C-alpha atoms as a PDB file:
ATOM      1  CA  MET A   1      93.729 108.239 105.510  1.00  0.00           C
ATOM      2  CA  SER A   2      94.280 111.878 104.653  1.00  0.00           C
ATOM      3  CA  ASP A   3      91.896 114.608 105.793  1.00  0.00           C
ATOM      4  CA  LEU A   4      92.253 116.296 102.391  1.00  0.00           C
ATOM      5  CA  ILE A   5      91.261 114.633  99.133  1.00  0.00           C
ATOM      6  CA  CYS A   6      92.579 115.859  95.775  1.00  0.00           C
ATOM      7  CA  VAL A   7      89.608 116.695  93.555  1.00  0.00           C
ATOM      8  CA  ALA A   8      91.246 118.637  90.713  1.00  0.00           C
ATOM      9  CA  VAL A   9      94.443 119.946  89.183  1.00  0.00           C
ATOM     10  CA  ILE A  10      94.956 123.241  87.368  1.00  0.00           C
ATOM     11  CA  VAL A  11      96.165 122.365  83.883  1.00  0.00           C
ATOM     12  CA  GLY A  12      96.964 125.923  82.778  1.00  0.00           C
ATOM     13  CA  ALA A  13      95.690 129.377  81.934  1.00  0.00           C
ATOM     14  CA  PHE A  14      92.956 130.026  79.388  1.00  0.00           C
ATOM     15  CA  GLY A  15      92.558 133.440  77.844  1.00  0.00           C
ATOM     16  CA  VAL A  16      93.709 136.727  79.334  1.00  0.00           C
ATOM     17  CA  ARG A  17      91.191 137.307  82.148  1.00  0.00           C
ATOM     18  CA  GLY A  18      92.480 134.768  84.648  1.00  0.00           C
ATOM     19  CA  GLU A  19      90.398 131.744  83.674  1.00  0.00           C
ATOM     20  CA  VAL A  20      92.048 128.359  84.123  1.00  0.00           C
ATOM     21  CA  ARG A  21      91.722 124.931  82.549  1.00  0.00           C
ATOM     22  CA  LEU A  22      90.914 122.465  85.290  1.00  0.00           C
ATOM     23  CA  LYS A  23      90.978 118.678  85.285  1.00  0.00           C
ATOM     24  CA  SER A  24      88.374 117.429  87.743  1.00  0.00           C
ATOM     25  CA  PHE A  25      88.763 114.076  89.506  1.00  0.00           C
ATOM     26  CA  THR A  26      85.199 114.024  90.830  1.00  0.00           C
ATOM     27  CA  ALA A  27      82.669 111.425  89.641  1.00  0.00           C
ATOM     28  CA  ASP A  28      80.687 114.251  88.019  1.00  0.00           C
ATOM     29  CA  PRO A  29      83.296 116.735  86.766  1.00  0.00           C
ATOM     30  CA  LEU A  30      80.692 119.474  86.375  1.00  0.00           C
ATOM     31  CA  ALA A  31      79.903 119.288  90.112  1.00  0.00           C
ATOM     32  CA  ILE A  32      83.372 120.558  91.100  1.00  0.00           C
ATOM     33  CA  GLY A  33      81.932 123.912  92.196  1.00  0.00           C
ATOM     34  CA  GLU A  34      79.692 122.182  94.744  1.00  0.00           C
ATOM     35  CA  TYR A  35      82.778 121.214  96.765  1.00  0.00           C
ATOM     36  CA  ALA A  36      84.166 124.754  96.977  1.00  0.00           C
ATOM     37  CA  PRO A  37      86.074 126.288  98.498  1.00  0.00           C
ATOM     38  CA  LEU A  38      88.971 124.252  97.130  1.00  0.00           C
ATOM     39  CA  VAL A  39      92.335 124.588  98.854  1.00  0.00           C
ATOM     40  CA  THR A  40      95.936 124.014  97.850  1.00  0.00           C
ATOM     41  CA  GLU A  41      97.750 121.042  99.402  1.00  0.00           C
ATOM     42  CA  ASP A  42      99.369 123.201 102.081  1.00  0.00           C
ATOM     43  CA  ALA A  43      96.037 125.036 102.604  1.00  0.00           C
ATOM     44  CA  SER A  44      97.788 128.367 102.018  1.00  0.00           C
ATOM     45  CA  ARG A  45      95.254 129.385  99.356  1.00  0.00           C
ATOM     46  CA  SER A  46      91.543 128.829  99.013  1.00  0.00           C
ATOM     47  CA  PHE A  47      89.409 129.292  95.893  1.00  0.00           C
ATOM     48  CA  ASP A  48      85.730 129.536  95.123  1.00  0.00           C
ATOM     49  CA  VAL A  49      85.018 128.007  91.715  1.00  0.00           C
ATOM     50  CA  ALA A  50      82.717 129.280  88.978  1.00  0.00           C
ATOM     51  CA  LEU A  51      82.275 126.947  86.021  1.00  0.00           C
ATOM     52  CA  ALA A  52      82.490 128.868  82.733  1.00  0.00           C
ATOM     53  CA  SER A  53      82.235 125.967  80.273  1.00  0.00           C
ATOM     54  CA  GLN A  54      83.269 122.428  79.527  1.00  0.00           C
ATOM     55  CA  LEU A  55      86.335 121.834  77.342  1.00  0.00           C
ATOM     56  CA  THR A  56      87.396 118.713  75.457  1.00  0.00           C
ATOM     57  CA  ASN A  57      89.861 117.630  78.156  1.00  0.00           C
ATOM     58  CA  GLY A  58      88.573 119.405  81.229  1.00  0.00           C
ATOM     59  CA  LEU A  59      86.716 122.434  82.446  1.00  0.00           C
ATOM     60  CA  LEU A  60      87.088 126.168  81.995  1.00  0.00           C
ATOM     61  CA  VAL A  61      86.674 127.817  85.400  1.00  0.00           C
ATOM     62  CA  ARG A  62      87.173 131.093  87.178  1.00  0.00           C
ATOM     63  CA  LEU A  63      88.863 130.896  90.555  1.00  0.00           C
ATOM     64  CA  SER A  64      88.230 133.601  93.131  1.00  0.00           C
ATOM     65  CA  GLY A  65      91.137 136.023  93.397  1.00  0.00           C
ATOM     66  CA  VAL A  66      92.635 135.063  90.027  1.00  0.00           C
ATOM     67  CA  THR A  67      92.101 137.904  87.571  1.00  0.00           C
ATOM     68  CA  THR A  68      95.066 137.916  85.180  1.00  0.00           C
ATOM     69  CA  LYS A  69      96.678 135.471  82.790  1.00  0.00           C
ATOM     70  CA  GLU A  70      99.918 135.758  84.770  1.00  0.00           C
ATOM     71  CA  GLU A  71      98.190 134.740  88.011  1.00  0.00           C
ATOM     72  CA  ALA A  72      96.542 131.828  86.200  1.00  0.00           C
ATOM     73  CA  ASP A  73      99.862 130.771  84.615  1.00  0.00           C
ATOM     74  CA  ALA A  74     101.495 130.705  88.062  1.00  0.00           C
ATOM     75  CA  LEU A  75      98.926 128.125  89.218  1.00  0.00           C
ATOM     76  CA  LYS A  76      99.674 125.568  86.501  1.00  0.00           C
ATOM     77  CA  GLY A  77     100.091 122.128  88.074  1.00  0.00           C
ATOM     78  CA  VAL A  78      98.595 123.111  91.440  1.00  0.00           C
ATOM     79  CA  LYS A  79      96.426 120.365  92.916  1.00  0.00           C
ATOM     80  CA  LEU A  80      93.193 121.392  94.621  1.00  0.00           C
ATOM     81  CA  PHE A  81      91.776 119.612  97.654  1.00  0.00           C
ATOM     82  CA  VAL A  82      88.677 119.470  99.842  1.00  0.00           C
ATOM     83  CA  PRO A  83      88.259 118.098 103.362  1.00  0.00           C
ATOM     84  CA  ARG A  84      87.114 114.470 103.348  1.00  0.00           C
ATOM     85  CA  ASP A  85      83.974 115.277 105.346  1.00  0.00           C
ATOM     86  CA  ARG A  86      82.711 117.518 102.528  1.00  0.00           C
ATOM     87  CA  LEU A  87      82.677 114.623 100.056  1.00  0.00           C
ATOM     88  CA  PRO A  88      79.756 112.232  99.711  1.00  0.00           C
ATOM     89  CA  GLY A  89      79.889 108.762 101.209  1.00  0.00           C
ATOM     90  CA  LEU A  90      80.725 105.978  98.792  1.00  0.00           C
ATOM     91  CA  PRO A  91      78.789 102.799  98.103  1.00  0.00           C
ATOM     92  CA  ASP A  92      80.399  99.418  98.734  1.00  0.00           C
ATOM     93  CA  ASP A  93      83.224  98.537  96.336  1.00  0.00           C
ATOM     94  CA  GLU A  94      84.020 102.193  95.561  1.00  0.00           C
ATOM     95  CA  TYR A  95      87.043 103.919  97.047  1.00  0.00           C
ATOM     96  CA  TYR A  96      88.764 107.270  97.013  1.00  0.00           C
ATOM     97  CA  HIS A  97      92.127 106.913  95.275  1.00  0.00           C
ATOM     98  CA  ALA A  98      93.815 108.595  98.240  1.00  0.00           C
ATOM     99  CA  ASP A  99      92.649 105.736 100.474  1.00  0.00           C
ATOM    100  CA  LEU A 100      94.208 103.090  98.225  1.00  0.00           C
ATOM    101  CA  ILE A 101      97.661 104.638  97.853  1.00  0.00           C
ATOM    102  CA  GLY A 102     100.103 103.049 100.284  1.00  0.00           C
ATOM    103  CA  LEU A 103      98.075  99.888 100.937  1.00  0.00           C
ATOM    104  CA  ALA A 104      99.955  96.595 101.027  1.00  0.00           C
ATOM    105  CA  VAL A 105      99.229  94.220  98.159  1.00  0.00           C
ATOM    106  CA  LEU A 106      99.137  90.512  99.060  1.00  0.00           C
ATOM    107  CA  ASP A 107      98.432  87.540  96.837  1.00  0.00           C
ATOM    108  CA  THR A 108      95.634  85.120  97.712  1.00  0.00           C
ATOM    109  CA  GLY A 109      98.111  83.032  99.714  1.00  0.00           C
ATOM    110  CA  GLY A 110      99.078  86.021 101.888  1.00  0.00           C
ATOM    111  CA  ASN A 111     102.473  86.593 100.256  1.00  0.00           C
ATOM    112  CA  PRO A 112     103.475  90.251  99.847  1.00  0.00           C
ATOM    113  CA  LEU A 113     103.535  91.569  96.278  1.00  0.00           C
ATOM    114  CA  GLY A 114     104.215  95.245  97.030  1.00  0.00           C
ATOM    115  CA  ARG A 115     102.480  98.515  97.892  1.00  0.00           C
ATOM    116  CA  ILE A 116     100.111 100.649  95.852  1.00  0.00           C
ATOM    117  CA  LYS A 117     102.102 103.611  94.572  1.00  0.00           C
ATOM    118  CA  ALA A 118      99.388 105.245  92.443  1.00  0.00           C
ATOM    119  CA  VAL A 119      95.948 104.727  90.977  1.00  0.00           C
ATOM    120  CA  LEU A 120      95.898 105.424  87.251  1.00  0.00           C
ATOM    121  CA  ASN A 121      93.032 105.774  84.821  1.00  0.00           C
ATOM    122  CA  HIS A 122      93.627 106.296  81.123  1.00  0.00           C
ATOM    123  CA  GLY A 123      90.005 105.853  80.135  1.00  0.00           C
ATOM    124  CA  ALA A 124      89.539 102.082  80.181  1.00  0.00           C
ATOM    125  CA  GLY A 125      89.280 101.630  83.943  1.00  0.00           C
ATOM    126  CA  ASP A 126      91.391 102.020  87.040  1.00  0.00           C
ATOM    127  CA  ILE A 127      94.854 100.476  87.242  1.00  0.00           C
ATOM    128  CA  LEU A 128      96.870 100.071  90.437  1.00  0.00           C
ATOM    129  CA  GLU A 129     100.560 100.878  90.108  1.00  0.00           C
ATOM    130  CA  VAL A 130     102.235  98.498  92.550  1.00  0.00           C
ATOM    131  CA  GLN A 131     105.774  99.120  93.798  1.00  0.00           C
ATOM    132  CA  VAL A 132     107.550  95.776  93.962  1.00  0.00           C
ATOM    133  CA  PRO A 133     109.610  95.372  97.181  1.00  0.00           C
ATOM    134  CA  GLY A 134     113.368  95.599  96.693  1.00  0.00           C
ATOM    135  CA  ALA A 135     113.067  96.790  93.092  1.00  0.00           C
ATOM    136  CA  SER A 136     112.712 100.063  91.263  1.00  0.00           C
ATOM    137  CA  ASP A 137     110.163  98.500  88.923  1.00  0.00           C
ATOM    138  CA  THR A 138     106.429  98.844  89.287  1.00  0.00           C
ATOM    139  CA  VAL A 139     103.692  96.529  88.057  1.00  0.00           C
ATOM    140  CA  LEU A 140     100.379  97.708  86.626  1.00  0.00           C
ATOM    141  CA  LEU A 141      97.557  95.663  88.126  1.00  0.00           C
ATOM    142  CA  PRO A 142      94.025  96.023  86.716  1.00  0.00           C
ATOM    143  CA  PHE A 143      91.696  97.228  89.471  1.00  0.00           C
ATOM    144  CA  THR A 144      88.918  94.783  88.663  1.00  0.00           C
ATOM    145  CA  LEU A 145      87.015  92.380  90.885  1.00  0.00           C
ATOM    146  CA  ASP A 146      88.806  89.441  89.245  1.00  0.00           C
ATOM    147  CA  ALA A 147      92.323  90.829  89.787  1.00  0.00           C
ATOM    148  CA  VAL A 148      91.640  92.505  93.165  1.00  0.00           C
ATOM    149  CA  PRO A 149      88.834  90.595  94.900  1.00  0.00           C
ATOM    150  CA  THR A 150      89.374  92.154  98.346  1.00  0.00           C
ATOM    151  CA  VAL A 151      90.070  95.686  99.553  1.00  0.00           C
ATOM    152  CA  ASP A 152      90.451  95.910 103.330  1.00  0.00           C
ATOM    153  CA  LEU A 153      90.970  99.541 104.327  1.00  0.00           C
ATOM    154  CA  ASP A 154      90.806  98.697 108.044  1.00  0.00           C
ATOM    155  CA  GLN A 155      93.732  96.261 107.710  1.00  0.00           C
ATOM    156  CA  GLY A 156      95.568  98.480 105.194  1.00  0.00           C
ATOM    157  CA  ARG A 157      95.763  95.872 102.461  1.00  0.00           C
ATOM    158  CA  VAL A 158      94.326  94.531  99.251  1.00  0.00           C
ATOM    159  CA  ILE A 159      94.261  90.895  98.217  1.00  0.00           C
ATOM    160  CA  ALA A 160      95.202  90.397  94.574  1.00  0.00           C
ATOM    161  CA  ASP A 161      94.763  87.486  92.218  1.00  0.00           C
ATOM    162  CA  PRO A 162      96.908  88.880  89.384  1.00  0.00           C
ATOM    163  CA  PRO A 163      96.982  87.427  85.895  1.00  0.00           C
ATOM    164  CA  LEU A 164      99.582  84.686  85.534  1.00  0.00           C
ATOM    165  CA  GLY A 165     103.091  86.063  85.012  1.00  0.00           C
ATOM    166  CA  LEU A 166     102.286  89.654  85.996  1.00  0.00           C
ATOM    167  CA  PHE A 167     104.445  89.545  89.128  1.00  0.00           C
END
């Protein structure tokens, strides 16, 4: 498990004073400032966050040290992280996406199905993108209790009961 958890990504500049559009991955997007300072993946830069307003597809924020549109433009696509210990504990059956990526996926009989490549969410719930061994294809597995009854972080695996024909 990584010591840094991705909590946001800079989508682009907004206006001419250095504000940025930010997509928050936190449970409460408006609470992103409570986790500051946010750092880049390599920890080379750190930002305090001031929420300016909420936009249709994200947040409008000011990042410390970013004062021009050019500086904001240069940050487009940069992921922002916080140390794991600064995040709240999770209740049972909730997981940080970073903890799921890379876990082995086994069927209920213990046969390997693949590894979790990504956790996706397009608005209707989480979906696990599973890399099938020996193939370039991936399979999209609904991350529901029916399709994934067991997540075992200690053993580094999930047990899946996928819909018939998915794999």
